[in-house]
Amino acid sequence: MAYSNQSYVEHVAVRVKDIQWHINFFYEVLGMDVRKSTAPSTRRASTGL
């Protein structure tokens, strides 16, 4: 089996009370984006971080 030199996160599932705050944190601080969601609204909003 050949291994790649790249590392990545395949899947993350996190239960939180304030989903929008966490979406903004993961995007603005960690540079991650939402690819798929079942939540009613997962749009990013500016938090002023």
Protein backbone atom coordinates (compact mmCIF):
# COMPACT_ATOMS: atom_id res chain seq x y z
CA MET A 1 0.00 0.00 0.00
CA ALA A 2 1.40 3.41 -0.98
CA TYR A 3 1.07 6.33 1.41
CA SER A 4 0.80 9.99 0.45
CA ASN A 5 3.04 12.69 1.94
CA GLN A 6 -0.03 14.85 2.54
CA SER A 7 -2.15 14.84 5.67
CA TYR A 8 -5.80 15.81 5.84
CA VAL A 9 -8.94 15.44 7.90
CA GLU A 10 -11.49 13.20 6.21
CA HIS A 11 -14.48 13.71 8.53
CA VAL A 12 -15.34 15.70 11.65
CA ALA A 13 -18.58 15.56 13.62
CA VAL A 14 -19.02 17.88 16.59
CA ARG A 15 -22.16 18.56 18.64
CA VAL A 16 -22.29 22.12 19.98
CA LYS A 17 -24.89 24.51 21.37
CA ASP A 18 -23.92 27.48 19.16
CA ILE A 19 -23.20 26.07 15.71
CA GLN A 20 -22.71 29.44 14.03
CA TRP A 21 -19.98 30.49 16.48
CA HIS A 22 -18.12 27.24 15.86
CA ILE A 23 -18.48 27.47 12.08
CA ASN A 24 -16.98 30.97 12.20
CA PHE A 25 -14.16 29.78 14.49
CA PHE A 26 -13.21 26.84 12.29
CA TYR A 27 -13.27 29.05 9.19
CA GLU A 28 -11.60 32.22 10.49
CA VAL A 29 -9.06 30.68 12.90
CA LEU A 30 -8.34 27.27 11.40
CA GLY A 31 -9.08 28.00 7.73
CA MET A 32 -11.61 25.17 7.44
CA ASP A 33 -14.87 25.46 5.51
CA VAL A 34 -18.22 23.67 5.69
CA ARG A 35 -18.55 21.23 2.80
CA LYS A 36 -21.85 19.61 3.77
CA SER A 37 -24.36 20.20 6.53
CA THR A 38 -27.82 19.08 7.61
CA ALA A 39 -28.25 22.16 9.83
CA PRO A 40 -30.88 24.72 8.75
CA SER A 41 -28.34 27.55 8.36
CA THR A 42 -24.56 27.16 8.29
CA ARG A 43 -23.58 30.36 6.51
CA ARG A 44 -20.48 32.10 7.81
CA ALA A 45 -20.96 35.45 9.49
CA SER A 46 -18.28 37.84 10.59
CA THR A 47 -17.49 37.50 14.29
CA GLY A 48 -14.75 40.08 14.51
CA LEU A 49 -12.12 37.53 15.56
